[in-house]
Amino acid sequence: MQQEFTIEGMHCNGCVARVTKALQAVADDVQVTLQPPRATLEVADPLTLDEVKAAVKNAGDYVVTPA
């Protein structure tokens, strides 16, 4: 199953790398783009918004919302 989230606060490729690494802990496949600031996750079971926010929390000051 594919899920998409908007990740506000990313400004560079370093941000993309940090968010990607953080989300790889909770998803099978992760694609993060800067423009648009979005994460596309491939998961077996749907993740809640809180689970995604918790995964990204330690990566930096990013705001996660459903896409």
Protein backbone atom coordinates (compact mmCIF):
# COMPACT_ATOMS: atom_id res chain seq x y z
CA MET A 1 0.00 0.00 0.00
CA GLN A 2 1.22 3.49 -0.82
CA GLN A 3 0.82 6.50 1.48
CA GLU A 4 1.82 10.12 0.88
CA PHE A 5 2.63 12.83 3.39
CA THR A 6 3.65 16.46 2.99
CA ILE A 7 6.85 17.26 4.91
CA GLU A 8 7.12 21.01 5.52
CA GLY A 9 10.42 22.51 6.67
CA MET A 10 12.81 20.70 4.32
CA HIS A 11 15.21 23.16 2.67
CA CYS A 12 17.99 21.07 1.13
CA ASN A 13 19.11 17.61 0.08
CA GLY A 14 20.49 17.07 3.58
CA CYS A 15 16.95 17.44 4.92
CA VAL A 16 15.71 14.95 2.34
CA ALA A 17 18.39 12.47 3.41
CA ARG A 18 17.55 12.85 7.13
CA VAL A 19 13.81 12.42 6.55
CA THR A 20 14.39 9.45 4.23
CA LYS A 21 16.58 7.72 6.81
CA ALA A 22 14.04 8.36 9.57
CA LEU A 23 11.14 6.98 7.53
CA GLN A 24 13.04 3.87 6.44
CA ALA A 25 12.60 2.64 10.01
CA VAL A 26 8.81 2.44 9.56
CA ALA A 27 8.27 1.81 5.82
CA ASP A 28 9.36 -0.81 3.30
CA ASP A 29 10.22 1.73 0.59
CA VAL A 30 10.63 5.50 0.96
CA GLN A 31 10.80 8.27 -1.66
CA VAL A 32 11.26 11.83 -0.39
CA THR A 33 11.26 14.87 -2.67
CA LEU A 34 12.12 18.49 -1.98
CA GLN A 35 9.85 19.99 -4.66
CA PRO A 36 7.15 19.23 -3.75
CA PRO A 37 8.10 18.54 -0.11
CA ARG A 38 6.59 15.08 -0.01
CA ALA A 39 7.26 11.58 1.28
CA THR A 40 5.82 8.58 -0.51
CA LEU A 41 5.87 5.42 1.58
CA GLU A 42 5.30 1.84 0.53
CA VAL A 43 3.97 -0.10 3.53
CA ALA A 44 2.34 -3.46 4.18
CA ASP A 45 -0.09 -1.97 6.72
CA PRO A 46 -1.22 1.67 6.80
CA LEU A 47 0.69 3.97 9.14
CA THR A 48 -1.09 6.54 11.26
CA LEU A 49 -0.13 10.19 11.02
CA ASP A 50 1.19 9.98 14.59
CA GLU A 51 3.50 7.08 13.65
CA VAL A 52 4.95 9.05 10.75
CA LYS A 53 5.33 12.18 12.90
CA ALA A 54 7.12 10.15 15.58
CA ALA A 55 9.53 8.70 13.00
CA VAL A 56 10.38 12.14 11.58
CA LYS A 57 10.55 13.90 14.98
CA ASN A 58 14.22 13.11 15.63
CA ALA A 59 15.28 14.02 12.09
CA GLY A 60 14.63 17.73 12.56
CA ASP A 61 11.98 20.40 12.91
CA TYR A 62 9.60 19.15 10.20
CA VAL A 63 5.81 19.33 10.01
CA VAL A 64 4.11 16.21 8.66
CA THR A 65 0.59 16.37 7.21
CA PRO A 66 -1.39 14.03 4.96
CA ALA A 67 -0.84 14.78 1.29
